[in-house]
Amino acid sequence: MMPIESLVGVAIIALGMVLSPGPNMVYLTSRAISQGRLAGLISLAGVALGFVCYLVAAALGLAALFKAVPLAYDVVRVAGGIYLGYLAWNMLKPNGGSPFQARELPPHSPRRLFTLGLVTNLLNPKIALMYSALIPQFIDPSQGSTLQQFLQLGLVQIVIAVTVNGLIVLAASRVSCFLAERPSAMRTQRWVSGTVLGVFAVDILLRKPMA
């Protein structure tokens, strides 16, 4: 079992990222608002499969890479810290938009909903960097198999992302109406998420490189 600090660290980053507006949130909320909760949940199933694909591919590839080239860990550490800082800046700047704005979309079949959910996640740069540059920050080769550590941390991210996105889908219509009447609420959400991501960006960039 990995140290609880690593699991909590990934959980906090995963929570901050899933609450920040991005391709997955925009697609899921737009589908739930325009076509109903069931459509949103079917789309979420596709998104979840995308997470699993990233987890398996990244775990196998990065585990081998870190074993062969230890310097690669420090490369992704710096890349991850910079990307977290970029996300924090986009969250904190004053002109950020809301994915909960009501919009009209043509209805899709269940198969297309699932497929587009999968494709949206596979093409999501936030998730690509989550697995290639952020989760590796919490892997410690001295704790044993890097593959097992990656799988454990990835599962934490998947559980949090799917759970939060599921709650967002179920509440999308209500949240859309709430935020339309209270624009300050979205600003508060952006500031909280942006601050959390910014703190982790500084912490990652200041960590001691691997020997």
N, C-alpha and C. Protein backbone atom coordinates (compact mmCIF):
# COMPACT_ATOMS: atom_id res chain seq x y z
N MET A 1 0.85 -1.20 0.00
CA MET A 1 0.00 0.00 0.00
C MET A 1 0.88 1.24 0.00
N MET A 2 0.50 2.21 -0.82
CA MET A 2 1.28 3.44 -0.92
C MET A 2 1.07 4.32 0.30
N PRO A 3 2.01 5.25 0.56
CA PRO A 3 1.83 6.20 1.66
C PRO A 3 0.54 6.99 1.47
N ILE A 4 -0.16 7.24 2.56
CA ILE A 4 -1.44 7.95 2.48
C ILE A 4 -1.24 9.36 1.93
N GLU A 5 -0.05 9.93 2.18
CA GLU A 5 0.20 11.29 1.68
C GLU A 5 0.15 11.34 0.16
N SER A 6 0.65 10.32 -0.50
CA SER A 6 0.64 10.29 -1.96
C SER A 6 -0.78 10.14 -2.48
N LEU A 7 -1.55 9.27 -1.85
CA LEU A 7 -2.94 9.06 -2.28
C LEU A 7 -3.77 10.33 -2.09
N VAL A 8 -3.55 10.99 -0.95
CA VAL A 8 -4.29 12.24 -0.68
C VAL A 8 -3.86 13.33 -1.66
N GLY A 9 -2.56 13.38 -1.95
CA GLY A 9 -2.07 14.39 -2.90
C GLY A 9 -2.70 14.25 -4.27
N VAL A 10 -2.75 13.01 -4.79
CA VAL A 10 -3.38 12.78 -6.08
C VAL A 10 -4.87 13.07 -6.01
N ALA A 11 -5.49 12.72 -4.89
CA ALA A 11 -6.93 12.97 -4.74
C ALA A 11 -7.23 14.47 -4.81
N ILE A 12 -6.41 15.27 -4.16
CA ILE A 12 -6.64 16.72 -4.16
C ILE A 12 -6.44 17.30 -5.55
N ILE A 13 -5.37 16.88 -6.23
CA ILE A 13 -5.13 17.37 -7.59
C ILE A 13 -6.26 16.92 -8.52
N ALA A 14 -6.68 15.66 -8.39
CA ALA A 14 -7.76 15.15 -9.24
C ALA A 14 -9.04 15.94 -9.01
N LEU A 15 -9.31 16.26 -7.74
CA LEU A 15 -10.51 17.02 -7.42
C LEU A 15 -10.43 18.42 -8.00
N GLY A 16 -9.27 19.05 -7.84
CA GLY A 16 -9.11 20.40 -8.38
C GLY A 16 -9.26 20.43 -9.89
N MET A 17 -8.73 19.40 -10.57
CA MET A 17 -8.79 19.37 -12.03
C MET A 17 -10.20 19.05 -12.52
N VAL A 18 -10.90 18.15 -11.85
CA VAL A 18 -12.23 17.79 -12.32
C VAL A 18 -13.23 18.92 -12.08
N LEU A 19 -12.93 19.78 -11.11
CA LEU A 19 -13.81 20.92 -10.85
C LEU A 19 -13.48 22.13 -11.72
N SER A 20 -12.35 22.07 -12.43
CA SER A 20 -11.98 23.17 -13.31
C SER A 20 -12.60 22.93 -14.69
N PRO A 21 -13.18 23.97 -15.31
CA PRO A 21 -13.80 23.79 -16.63
C PRO A 21 -12.83 23.23 -17.65
N GLY A 22 -13.25 22.22 -18.37
CA GLY A 22 -12.41 21.60 -19.39
C GLY A 22 -13.28 20.84 -20.37
N PRO A 23 -12.68 20.14 -21.35
CA PRO A 23 -13.46 19.44 -22.37
C PRO A 23 -14.48 18.46 -21.81
N ASN A 24 -14.08 17.66 -20.81
CA ASN A 24 -15.01 16.68 -20.26
C ASN A 24 -16.21 17.35 -19.61
N MET A 25 -15.97 18.36 -18.77
CA MET A 25 -17.06 19.02 -18.08
C MET A 25 -18.00 19.71 -19.08
N VAL A 26 -17.40 20.37 -20.07
CA VAL A 26 -18.22 21.07 -21.07
C VAL A 26 -19.10 20.09 -21.82
N TYR A 27 -18.52 18.96 -22.27
CA TYR A 27 -19.30 17.99 -23.03
C TYR A 27 -20.40 17.35 -22.18
N LEU A 28 -20.04 16.92 -20.99
CA LEU A 28 -21.01 16.23 -20.13
C LEU A 28 -22.16 17.14 -19.71
N THR A 29 -21.83 18.36 -19.29
CA THR A 29 -22.89 19.27 -18.85
C THR A 29 -23.78 19.69 -20.01
N SER A 30 -23.17 19.94 -21.17
CA SER A 30 -23.98 20.35 -22.32
C SER A 30 -24.93 19.25 -22.73
N ARG A 31 -24.46 17.99 -22.70
CA ARG A 31 -25.33 16.88 -23.05
C ARG A 31 -26.43 16.69 -22.01
N ALA A 32 -26.08 16.79 -20.74
CA ALA A 32 -27.08 16.61 -19.68
C ALA A 32 -28.14 17.70 -19.73
N ILE A 33 -27.71 18.94 -20.01
CA ILE A 33 -28.66 20.06 -20.04
C ILE A 33 -29.56 19.98 -21.28
N SER A 34 -28.98 19.61 -22.43
CA SER A 34 -29.75 19.64 -23.67
C SER A 34 -30.52 18.35 -23.95
N GLN A 35 -30.01 17.19 -23.44
CA GLN A 35 -30.63 15.91 -23.81
C GLN A 35 -31.07 15.09 -22.60
N GLY A 36 -30.78 15.53 -21.39
CA GLY A 36 -31.25 14.83 -20.20
C GLY A 36 -30.15 14.09 -19.46
N ARG A 37 -30.46 13.70 -18.23
CA ARG A 37 -29.47 13.06 -17.36
C ARG A 37 -28.97 11.73 -17.92
N LEU A 38 -29.86 10.93 -18.50
CA LEU A 38 -29.45 9.62 -19.03
C LEU A 38 -28.40 9.79 -20.10
N ALA A 39 -28.59 10.77 -20.99
CA ALA A 39 -27.61 11.03 -22.04
C ALA A 39 -26.27 11.44 -21.41
N GLY A 40 -26.34 12.25 -20.36
CA GLY A 40 -25.12 12.66 -19.69
C GLY A 40 -24.40 11.49 -19.06
N LEU A 41 -25.14 10.54 -18.48
CA LEU A 41 -24.52 9.38 -17.84
C LEU A 41 -23.93 8.42 -18.87
N ILE A 42 -24.59 8.28 -20.02
CA ILE A 42 -24.03 7.44 -21.09
C ILE A 42 -22.72 8.04 -21.59
N SER A 43 -22.72 9.37 -21.75
CA SER A 43 -21.49 10.05 -22.16
C SER A 43 -20.40 9.87 -21.11
N LEU A 44 -20.79 9.89 -19.84
CA LEU A 44 -19.83 9.71 -18.75
C LEU A 44 -19.20 8.32 -18.80
N ALA A 45 -19.97 7.30 -19.21
CA ALA A 45 -19.40 5.95 -19.34
C ALA A 45 -18.27 5.94 -20.36
N GLY A 46 -18.44 6.68 -21.45
CA GLY A 46 -17.37 6.78 -22.43
C GLY A 46 -16.16 7.50 -21.87
N VAL A 47 -16.40 8.57 -21.11
CA VAL A 47 -15.31 9.30 -20.47
C VAL A 47 -14.54 8.38 -19.52
N ALA A 48 -15.28 7.56 -18.75
CA ALA A 48 -14.65 6.65 -17.80
C ALA A 48 -13.74 5.65 -18.51
N LEU A 49 -14.19 5.14 -19.66
CA LEU A 49 -13.35 4.21 -20.42
C LEU A 49 -12.09 4.91 -20.89
N GLY A 50 -12.20 6.18 -21.23
CA GLY A 50 -11.02 6.95 -21.63
C GLY A 50 -10.00 7.03 -20.51
N PHE A 51 -10.48 7.21 -19.26
CA PHE A 51 -9.57 7.23 -18.12
C PHE A 51 -8.82 5.90 -18.00
N VAL A 52 -9.54 4.80 -18.16
CA VAL A 52 -8.93 3.48 -18.04
C VAL A 52 -7.87 3.28 -19.13
N CYS A 53 -8.17 3.72 -20.34
CA CYS A 53 -7.20 3.60 -21.44
C CYS A 53 -5.93 4.38 -21.11
N TYR A 54 -6.09 5.59 -20.61
CA TYR A 54 -4.92 6.39 -20.24
C TYR A 54 -4.14 5.72 -19.12
N LEU A 55 -4.85 5.20 -18.13
CA LEU A 55 -4.18 4.59 -16.99
C LEU A 55 -3.32 3.41 -17.40
N VAL A 56 -3.88 2.50 -18.19
CA VAL A 56 -3.14 1.30 -18.60
C VAL A 56 -1.94 1.68 -19.47
N ALA A 57 -2.18 2.54 -20.46
CA ALA A 57 -1.09 2.91 -21.38
C ALA A 57 0.02 3.67 -20.67
N ALA A 58 -0.37 4.64 -19.84
CA ALA A 58 0.63 5.45 -19.16
C ALA A 58 1.38 4.65 -18.12
N ALA A 59 0.68 3.78 -17.38
CA ALA A 59 1.34 2.98 -16.35
C ALA A 59 2.40 2.07 -16.95
N LEU A 60 2.06 1.39 -18.02
CA LEU A 60 3.03 0.48 -18.64
C LEU A 60 4.19 1.24 -19.26
N GLY A 61 3.90 2.32 -19.96
CA GLY A 61 4.95 3.07 -20.62
C GLY A 61 5.85 3.82 -19.66
N LEU A 62 5.27 4.50 -18.69
CA LEU A 62 6.07 5.30 -17.77
C LEU A 62 6.85 4.44 -16.79
N ALA A 63 6.28 3.31 -16.39
CA ALA A 63 7.02 2.43 -15.48
C ALA A 63 8.32 1.97 -16.13
N ALA A 64 8.24 1.58 -17.40
CA ALA A 64 9.44 1.15 -18.11
C ALA A 64 10.40 2.32 -18.34
N LEU A 65 9.85 3.48 -18.66
CA LEU A 65 10.68 4.64 -18.94
C LEU A 65 11.47 5.07 -17.71
N PHE A 66 10.81 5.15 -16.54
CA PHE A 66 11.49 5.58 -15.33
C PHE A 66 12.58 4.61 -14.91
N LYS A 67 12.35 3.33 -15.17
CA LYS A 67 13.35 2.32 -14.81
C LYS A 67 14.58 2.46 -15.69
N ALA A 68 14.37 2.75 -16.99
CA ALA A 68 15.49 2.84 -17.93
C ALA A 68 16.18 4.20 -17.89
N VAL A 69 15.40 5.26 -17.68
CA VAL A 69 15.96 6.63 -17.72
C VAL A 69 15.44 7.40 -16.51
N PRO A 70 16.15 7.36 -15.38
CA PRO A 70 15.70 8.08 -14.17
C PRO A 70 15.51 9.58 -14.40
N LEU A 71 16.29 10.16 -15.33
CA LEU A 71 16.16 11.59 -15.60
C LEU A 71 14.78 11.94 -16.13
N ALA A 72 14.10 10.96 -16.72
CA ALA A 72 12.76 11.22 -17.27
C ALA A 72 11.79 11.64 -16.18
N TYR A 73 12.00 11.13 -14.96
CA TYR A 73 11.14 11.53 -13.83
C TYR A 73 11.21 13.03 -13.61
N ASP A 74 12.43 13.57 -13.64
CA ASP A 74 12.59 15.00 -13.38
C ASP A 74 12.02 15.85 -14.52
N VAL A 75 12.08 15.32 -15.74
CA VAL A 75 11.50 16.03 -16.88
C VAL A 75 9.99 16.17 -16.70
N VAL A 76 9.33 15.06 -16.36
CA VAL A 76 7.87 15.13 -16.20
C VAL A 76 7.50 15.89 -14.93
N ARG A 77 8.38 15.89 -13.93
CA ARG A 77 8.11 16.66 -12.72
C ARG A 77 8.01 18.15 -13.04
N VAL A 78 8.99 18.64 -13.79
CA VAL A 78 8.98 20.06 -14.15
C VAL A 78 7.81 20.37 -15.09
N ALA A 79 7.56 19.48 -16.05
CA ALA A 79 6.44 19.69 -16.98
C ALA A 79 5.12 19.72 -16.23
N GLY A 80 4.98 18.83 -15.26
CA GLY A 80 3.74 18.80 -14.48
C GLY A 80 3.55 20.05 -13.65
N GLY A 81 4.63 20.53 -13.04
CA GLY A 81 4.53 21.75 -12.24
C GLY A 81 4.15 22.96 -13.08
N ILE A 82 4.76 23.06 -14.26
CA ILE A 82 4.45 24.18 -15.16
C ILE A 82 2.99 24.11 -15.62
N TYR A 83 2.54 22.89 -15.94
CA TYR A 83 1.15 22.75 -16.40
C TYR A 83 0.16 23.08 -15.30
N LEU A 84 0.45 22.67 -14.07
CA LEU A 84 -0.43 23.03 -12.96
C LEU A 84 -0.50 24.54 -12.79
N GLY A 85 0.65 25.20 -12.94
CA GLY A 85 0.65 26.65 -12.86
C GLY A 85 -0.18 27.28 -13.96
N TYR A 86 -0.11 26.70 -15.16
CA TYR A 86 -0.91 27.19 -16.28
C TYR A 86 -2.40 27.04 -16.00
N LEU A 87 -2.79 25.87 -15.46
CA LEU A 87 -4.19 25.66 -15.11
C LEU A 87 -4.64 26.65 -14.03
N ALA A 88 -3.78 26.87 -13.04
CA ALA A 88 -4.12 27.81 -11.97
C ALA A 88 -4.34 29.21 -12.52
N TRP A 89 -3.48 29.64 -13.44
CA TRP A 89 -3.63 30.97 -14.02
C TRP A 89 -4.95 31.08 -14.79
N ASN A 90 -5.28 30.06 -15.58
CA ASN A 90 -6.54 30.10 -16.33
C ASN A 90 -7.75 30.10 -15.42
N MET A 91 -7.62 29.47 -14.25
CA MET A 91 -8.73 29.48 -13.30
C MET A 91 -8.88 30.84 -12.63
N LEU A 92 -7.76 31.51 -12.37
CA LEU A 92 -7.78 32.73 -11.57
C LEU A 92 -8.00 34.00 -12.40
N LYS A 93 -7.75 33.96 -13.69
CA LYS A 93 -7.94 35.17 -14.48
C LYS A 93 -9.43 35.52 -14.52
N PRO A 94 -9.76 36.81 -14.59
CA PRO A 94 -11.13 37.27 -14.38
C PRO A 94 -12.13 36.94 -15.48
N ASN A 95 -11.69 36.59 -16.68
CA ASN A 95 -12.64 36.41 -17.79
C ASN A 95 -12.90 34.95 -18.13
N GLY A 96 -12.79 34.04 -17.15
CA GLY A 96 -13.08 32.63 -17.39
C GLY A 96 -14.56 32.41 -17.63
N GLY A 97 -14.89 31.47 -18.52
CA GLY A 97 -16.29 31.20 -18.84
C GLY A 97 -16.84 30.05 -18.01
N SER A 98 -18.12 29.78 -18.18
CA SER A 98 -18.78 28.71 -17.43
C SER A 98 -19.28 27.64 -18.38
N PRO A 99 -18.99 26.35 -18.10
CA PRO A 99 -19.50 25.27 -18.94
C PRO A 99 -20.97 24.99 -18.68
N PHE A 100 -21.57 25.67 -17.70
CA PHE A 100 -22.96 25.42 -17.34
C PHE A 100 -23.94 26.35 -18.04
N GLN A 101 -23.46 27.11 -19.01
CA GLN A 101 -24.36 27.96 -19.76
C GLN A 101 -25.26 27.09 -20.63
N ALA A 102 -26.56 27.35 -20.59
CA ALA A 102 -27.51 26.55 -21.36
C ALA A 102 -27.27 26.74 -22.85
N ARG A 103 -27.32 25.63 -23.60
CA ARG A 103 -27.12 25.70 -25.05
C ARG A 103 -27.92 24.59 -25.71
N GLU A 104 -28.39 24.83 -26.93
CA GLU A 104 -29.16 23.85 -27.66
C GLU A 104 -28.23 22.97 -28.51
N LEU A 105 -28.39 21.65 -28.40
CA LEU A 105 -27.58 20.71 -29.17
C LEU A 105 -28.50 19.66 -29.80
N PRO A 106 -28.17 19.17 -31.00
CA PRO A 106 -28.96 18.10 -31.62
C PRO A 106 -28.81 16.81 -30.82
N PRO A 107 -29.88 16.01 -30.68
CA PRO A 107 -29.79 14.77 -29.91
C PRO A 107 -28.89 13.74 -30.58
N HIS A 108 -28.19 12.95 -29.75
CA HIS A 108 -27.32 11.89 -30.24
C HIS A 108 -27.84 10.54 -29.76
N SER A 109 -27.53 9.47 -30.51
CA SER A 109 -27.88 8.11 -30.10
C SER A 109 -27.00 7.69 -28.94
N PRO A 110 -27.42 6.67 -28.16
CA PRO A 110 -26.59 6.19 -27.05
C PRO A 110 -25.17 5.80 -27.50
N ARG A 111 -25.06 5.14 -28.66
CA ARG A 111 -23.73 4.75 -29.14
C ARG A 111 -22.86 5.97 -29.42
N ARG A 112 -23.46 7.00 -30.03
CA ARG A 112 -22.68 8.19 -30.33
C ARG A 112 -22.33 8.96 -29.06
N LEU A 113 -23.24 8.98 -28.10
CA LEU A 113 -22.96 9.63 -26.82
C LEU A 113 -21.75 8.98 -26.16
N PHE A 114 -21.75 7.65 -26.11
CA PHE A 114 -20.64 6.91 -25.48
C PHE A 114 -19.34 7.17 -26.23
N THR A 115 -19.41 7.07 -27.58
CA THR A 115 -18.20 7.24 -28.39
C THR A 115 -17.62 8.64 -28.26
N LEU A 116 -18.48 9.65 -28.30
CA LEU A 116 -17.99 11.02 -28.19
C LEU A 116 -17.45 11.30 -26.78
N GLY A 117 -18.04 10.67 -25.76
CA GLY A 117 -17.50 10.81 -24.41
C GLY A 117 -16.09 10.24 -24.34
N LEU A 118 -15.89 9.06 -24.96
CA LEU A 118 -14.57 8.43 -24.99
C LEU A 118 -13.57 9.30 -25.75
N VAL A 119 -13.96 9.75 -26.95
CA VAL A 119 -13.05 10.54 -27.78
C VAL A 119 -12.72 11.87 -27.11
N THR A 120 -13.72 12.50 -26.51
CA THR A 120 -13.49 13.77 -25.82
C THR A 120 -12.43 13.62 -24.74
N ASN A 121 -12.48 12.52 -23.99
CA ASN A 121 -11.52 12.31 -22.92
C ASN A 121 -10.14 11.95 -23.47
N LEU A 122 -10.10 11.12 -24.50
CA LEU A 122 -8.81 10.72 -25.07
C LEU A 122 -8.08 11.92 -25.69
N LEU A 123 -8.83 12.91 -26.14
CA LEU A 123 -8.22 14.10 -26.75
C LEU A 123 -8.10 15.25 -25.76
N ASN A 124 -8.37 14.98 -24.49
CA ASN A 124 -8.34 16.02 -23.47
C ASN A 124 -6.90 16.22 -22.98
N PRO A 125 -6.28 17.37 -23.24
CA PRO A 125 -4.89 17.57 -22.82
C PRO A 125 -4.73 17.56 -21.30
N LYS A 126 -5.77 17.94 -20.56
CA LYS A 126 -5.69 17.90 -19.10
C LYS A 126 -5.45 16.48 -18.61
N ILE A 127 -6.16 15.52 -19.19
CA ILE A 127 -6.04 14.13 -18.74
C ILE A 127 -4.73 13.53 -19.23
N ALA A 128 -4.32 13.87 -20.44
CA ALA A 128 -3.04 13.37 -20.95
C ALA A 128 -1.90 13.77 -20.04
N LEU A 129 -1.89 15.02 -19.61
CA LEU A 129 -0.82 15.50 -18.74
C LEU A 129 -1.00 15.04 -17.30
N MET A 130 -2.25 14.77 -16.91
CA MET A 130 -2.49 14.23 -15.58
C MET A 130 -1.74 12.91 -15.42
N TYR A 131 -1.81 12.06 -16.45
CA TYR A 131 -1.19 10.73 -16.37
C TYR A 131 0.28 10.74 -16.74
N SER A 132 0.68 11.65 -17.60
CA SER A 132 2.07 11.64 -18.05
C SER A 132 2.99 12.51 -17.20
N ALA A 133 2.41 13.52 -16.50
CA ALA A 133 3.28 14.47 -15.80
C ALA A 133 2.90 14.76 -14.36
N LEU A 134 1.67 14.51 -13.97
CA LEU A 134 1.25 14.87 -12.61
C LEU A 134 1.25 13.68 -11.66
N ILE A 135 0.58 12.61 -12.04
CA ILE A 135 0.57 11.42 -11.17
C ILE A 135 1.99 10.91 -10.89
N PRO A 136 2.91 10.93 -11.87
CA PRO A 136 4.26 10.45 -11.58
C PRO A 136 4.97 11.21 -10.46
N GLN A 137 4.51 12.43 -10.14
CA GLN A 137 5.14 13.19 -9.06
C GLN A 137 5.05 12.44 -7.73
N PHE A 138 4.06 11.59 -7.59
CA PHE A 138 3.79 10.93 -6.32
C PHE A 138 4.29 9.48 -6.29
N ILE A 139 5.04 9.09 -7.31
CA ILE A 139 5.60 7.74 -7.37
C ILE A 139 7.01 7.76 -6.79
N ASP A 140 7.28 6.86 -5.87
CA ASP A 140 8.58 6.76 -5.22
C ASP A 140 9.16 5.38 -5.49
N PRO A 141 10.19 5.28 -6.34
CA PRO A 141 10.77 3.97 -6.67
C PRO A 141 11.21 3.18 -5.45
N SER A 142 11.54 3.86 -4.36
CA SER A 142 11.98 3.16 -3.16
C SER A 142 10.83 2.43 -2.46
N GLN A 143 9.59 2.73 -2.85
CA GLN A 143 8.42 2.11 -2.23
C GLN A 143 8.00 0.82 -2.93
N GLY A 144 8.76 0.40 -3.95
CA GLY A 144 8.41 -0.84 -4.64
C GLY A 144 8.06 -0.59 -6.10
N SER A 145 7.26 -1.51 -6.65
CA SER A 145 6.91 -1.48 -8.07
C SER A 145 6.27 -0.15 -8.47
N THR A 146 6.88 0.52 -9.46
CA THR A 146 6.31 1.78 -9.94
C THR A 146 5.00 1.52 -10.70
N LEU A 147 4.89 0.34 -11.31
CA LEU A 147 3.66 0.00 -12.02
C LEU A 147 2.50 -0.10 -11.04
N GLN A 148 2.70 -0.80 -9.94
CA GLN A 148 1.63 -0.94 -8.94
C GLN A 148 1.27 0.42 -8.34
N GLN A 149 2.26 1.25 -8.08
CA GLN A 149 2.00 2.58 -7.54
C GLN A 149 1.17 3.40 -8.54
N PHE A 150 1.54 3.32 -9.80
CA PHE A 150 0.83 4.09 -10.82
C PHE A 150 -0.63 3.64 -10.90
N LEU A 151 -0.86 2.33 -10.87
CA LEU A 151 -2.22 1.81 -10.95
C LEU A 151 -3.05 2.27 -9.74
N GLN A 152 -2.47 2.23 -8.56
CA GLN A 152 -3.19 2.67 -7.37
C GLN A 152 -3.56 4.15 -7.45
N LEU A 153 -2.59 4.97 -7.83
CA LEU A 153 -2.84 6.41 -7.92
C LEU A 153 -3.83 6.72 -9.04
N GLY A 154 -3.71 5.99 -10.16
CA GLY A 154 -4.64 6.20 -11.26
C GLY A 154 -6.07 5.84 -10.88
N LEU A 155 -6.23 4.78 -10.12
CA LEU A 155 -7.57 4.38 -9.68
C LEU A 155 -8.19 5.44 -8.77
N VAL A 156 -7.36 6.06 -7.93
CA VAL A 156 -7.85 7.15 -7.08
C VAL A 156 -8.38 8.29 -7.96
N GLN A 157 -7.60 8.64 -8.98
CA GLN A 157 -8.03 9.71 -9.88
C GLN A 157 -9.32 9.35 -10.61
N ILE A 158 -9.43 8.11 -11.08
CA ILE A 158 -10.62 7.70 -11.82
C ILE A 158 -11.86 7.73 -10.94
N VAL A 159 -11.75 7.21 -9.72
CA VAL A 159 -12.90 7.19 -8.81
C VAL A 159 -13.39 8.61 -8.54
N ILE A 160 -12.46 9.51 -8.27
CA ILE A 160 -12.84 10.90 -7.97
C ILE A 160 -13.44 11.57 -9.20
N ALA A 161 -12.78 11.41 -10.36
CA ALA A 161 -13.26 12.07 -11.57
C ALA A 161 -14.64 11.57 -11.99
N VAL A 162 -14.84 10.25 -11.97
CA VAL A 162 -16.14 9.70 -12.37
C VAL A 162 -17.23 10.08 -11.38
N THR A 163 -16.91 10.04 -10.09
CA THR A 163 -17.90 10.39 -9.07
C THR A 163 -18.33 11.85 -9.19
N VAL A 164 -17.35 12.75 -9.28
CA VAL A 164 -17.66 14.18 -9.37
C VAL A 164 -18.38 14.50 -10.67
N ASN A 165 -17.90 13.95 -11.79
CA ASN A 165 -18.57 14.19 -13.06
C ASN A 165 -19.99 13.63 -13.06
N GLY A 166 -20.18 12.49 -12.39
CA GLY A 166 -21.53 11.94 -12.28
C GLY A 166 -22.46 12.87 -11.51
N LEU A 167 -21.96 13.42 -10.42
CA LEU A 167 -22.77 14.37 -9.64
C LEU A 167 -23.05 15.62 -10.45
N ILE A 168 -22.07 16.06 -11.24
CA ILE A 168 -22.27 17.24 -12.09
C ILE A 168 -23.35 16.98 -13.13
N VAL A 169 -23.31 15.79 -13.74
CA VAL A 169 -24.33 15.43 -14.73
C VAL A 169 -25.72 15.44 -14.09
N LEU A 170 -25.85 14.84 -12.92
CA LEU A 170 -27.15 14.76 -12.25
C LEU A 170 -27.68 16.12 -11.84
N ALA A 171 -26.77 17.04 -11.56
CA ALA A 171 -27.20 18.36 -11.08
C ALA A 171 -27.01 19.46 -12.11
N ALA A 172 -26.68 19.10 -13.36
CA ALA A 172 -26.31 20.11 -14.36
C ALA A 172 -27.39 21.17 -14.57
N SER A 173 -28.64 20.74 -14.72
CA SER A 173 -29.71 21.70 -14.99
C SER A 173 -29.90 22.66 -13.83
N ARG A 174 -29.89 22.13 -12.61
CA ARG A 174 -30.06 22.99 -11.44
C ARG A 174 -28.88 23.94 -11.28
N VAL A 175 -27.68 23.42 -11.50
CA VAL A 175 -26.49 24.27 -11.37
C VAL A 175 -26.51 25.37 -12.42
N SER A 176 -26.95 25.04 -13.64
CA SER A 176 -27.02 26.03 -14.70
C SER A 176 -27.92 27.19 -14.31
N CYS A 177 -29.08 26.88 -13.76
CA CYS A 177 -30.01 27.93 -13.32
C CYS A 177 -29.44 28.71 -12.14
N PHE A 178 -28.81 28.01 -11.21
CA PHE A 178 -28.24 28.66 -10.03
C PHE A 178 -27.16 29.66 -10.42
N LEU A 179 -26.24 29.23 -11.30
CA LEU A 179 -25.13 30.10 -11.69
C LEU A 179 -25.59 31.25 -12.57
N ALA A 180 -26.65 31.03 -13.34
CA ALA A 180 -27.17 32.11 -14.17
C ALA A 180 -27.67 33.27 -13.31
N GLU A 181 -28.16 32.92 -12.12
CA GLU A 181 -28.67 33.94 -11.20
C GLU A 181 -27.60 34.46 -10.26
N ARG A 182 -26.49 33.72 -10.10
CA ARG A 182 -25.43 34.09 -9.15
C ARG A 182 -24.06 33.95 -9.81
N PRO A 183 -23.68 34.88 -10.67
CA PRO A 183 -22.37 34.78 -11.35
C PRO A 183 -21.19 34.80 -10.39
N SER A 184 -21.37 35.35 -9.19
CA SER A 184 -20.26 35.37 -8.22
C SER A 184 -19.89 33.96 -7.76
N ALA A 185 -20.84 33.02 -7.83
CA ALA A 185 -20.58 31.65 -7.40
C ALA A 185 -19.52 30.99 -8.29
N MET A 186 -19.57 31.23 -9.60
CA MET A 186 -18.57 30.66 -10.50
C MET A 186 -17.21 31.29 -10.25
N ARG A 187 -17.17 32.58 -9.96
CA ARG A 187 -15.90 33.22 -9.65
C ARG A 187 -15.27 32.62 -8.41
N THR A 188 -16.10 32.32 -7.40
CA THR A 188 -15.60 31.70 -6.17
C THR A 188 -15.02 30.32 -6.47
N GLN A 189 -15.73 29.54 -7.29
CA GLN A 189 -15.26 28.20 -7.64
C GLN A 189 -13.92 28.27 -8.36
N ARG A 190 -13.78 29.23 -9.28
CA ARG A 190 -12.53 29.37 -10.00
C ARG A 190 -11.39 29.74 -9.06
N TRP A 191 -11.64 30.63 -8.13
CA TRP A 191 -10.58 31.07 -7.21
C TRP A 191 -10.13 29.94 -6.29
N VAL A 192 -11.08 29.17 -5.78
CA VAL A 192 -10.71 28.07 -4.88
C VAL A 192 -9.90 27.02 -5.63
N SER A 193 -10.40 26.57 -6.79
CA SER A 193 -9.69 25.55 -7.56
C SER A 193 -8.34 26.05 -8.05
N GLY A 194 -8.30 27.30 -8.51
CA GLY A 194 -7.05 27.86 -9.01
C GLY A 194 -5.99 27.99 -7.93
N THR A 195 -6.41 28.36 -6.73
CA THR A 195 -5.46 28.48 -5.62
C THR A 195 -4.88 27.13 -5.24
N VAL A 196 -5.73 26.09 -5.17
CA VAL A 196 -5.26 24.75 -4.84
C VAL A 196 -4.25 24.26 -5.88
N LEU A 197 -4.56 24.43 -7.16
CA LEU A 197 -3.65 23.99 -8.21
C LEU A 197 -2.35 24.79 -8.17
N GLY A 198 -2.44 26.08 -7.87
CA GLY A 198 -1.24 26.91 -7.80
C GLY A 198 -0.30 26.47 -6.68
N VAL A 199 -0.86 26.13 -5.53
CA VAL A 199 -0.04 25.66 -4.41
C VAL A 199 0.70 24.38 -4.79
N PHE A 200 0.00 23.45 -5.44
CA PHE A 200 0.64 22.21 -5.84
C PHE A 200 1.69 22.45 -6.92
N ALA A 201 1.47 23.42 -7.79
CA ALA A 201 2.47 23.73 -8.82
C ALA A 201 3.78 24.17 -8.18
N VAL A 202 3.70 25.05 -7.20
CA VAL A 202 4.90 25.53 -6.51
C VAL A 202 5.59 24.38 -5.77
N ASP A 203 4.78 23.54 -5.10
CA ASP A 203 5.36 22.42 -4.35
C ASP A 203 6.09 21.45 -5.27
N ILE A 204 5.51 21.14 -6.42
CA ILE A 204 6.14 20.20 -7.36
C ILE A 204 7.43 20.75 -7.91
N LEU A 205 7.43 22.04 -8.29
CA LEU A 205 8.62 22.64 -8.89
C LEU A 205 9.76 22.78 -7.89
N LEU A 206 9.45 22.85 -6.60
CA LEU A 206 10.47 23.00 -5.58
C LEU A 206 10.98 21.68 -5.03
N ARG A 207 10.41 20.56 -5.49
CA ARG A 207 10.85 19.27 -4.98
C ARG A 207 12.26 18.95 -5.45
N LYS A 208 12.94 18.17 -4.65
CA LYS A 208 14.32 17.78 -4.96
C LYS A 208 14.31 16.78 -6.11
N PRO A 209 15.14 17.01 -7.15
CA PRO A 209 15.21 16.07 -8.28
C PRO A 209 15.64 14.68 -7.81
N MET A 210 15.29 13.68 -8.62
CA MET A 210 15.71 12.32 -8.30
C MET A 210 17.21 12.17 -8.51
N ALA A 211 17.84 11.38 -7.66
CA ALA A 211 19.29 11.15 -7.79
C ALA A 211 19.58 10.26 -8.99
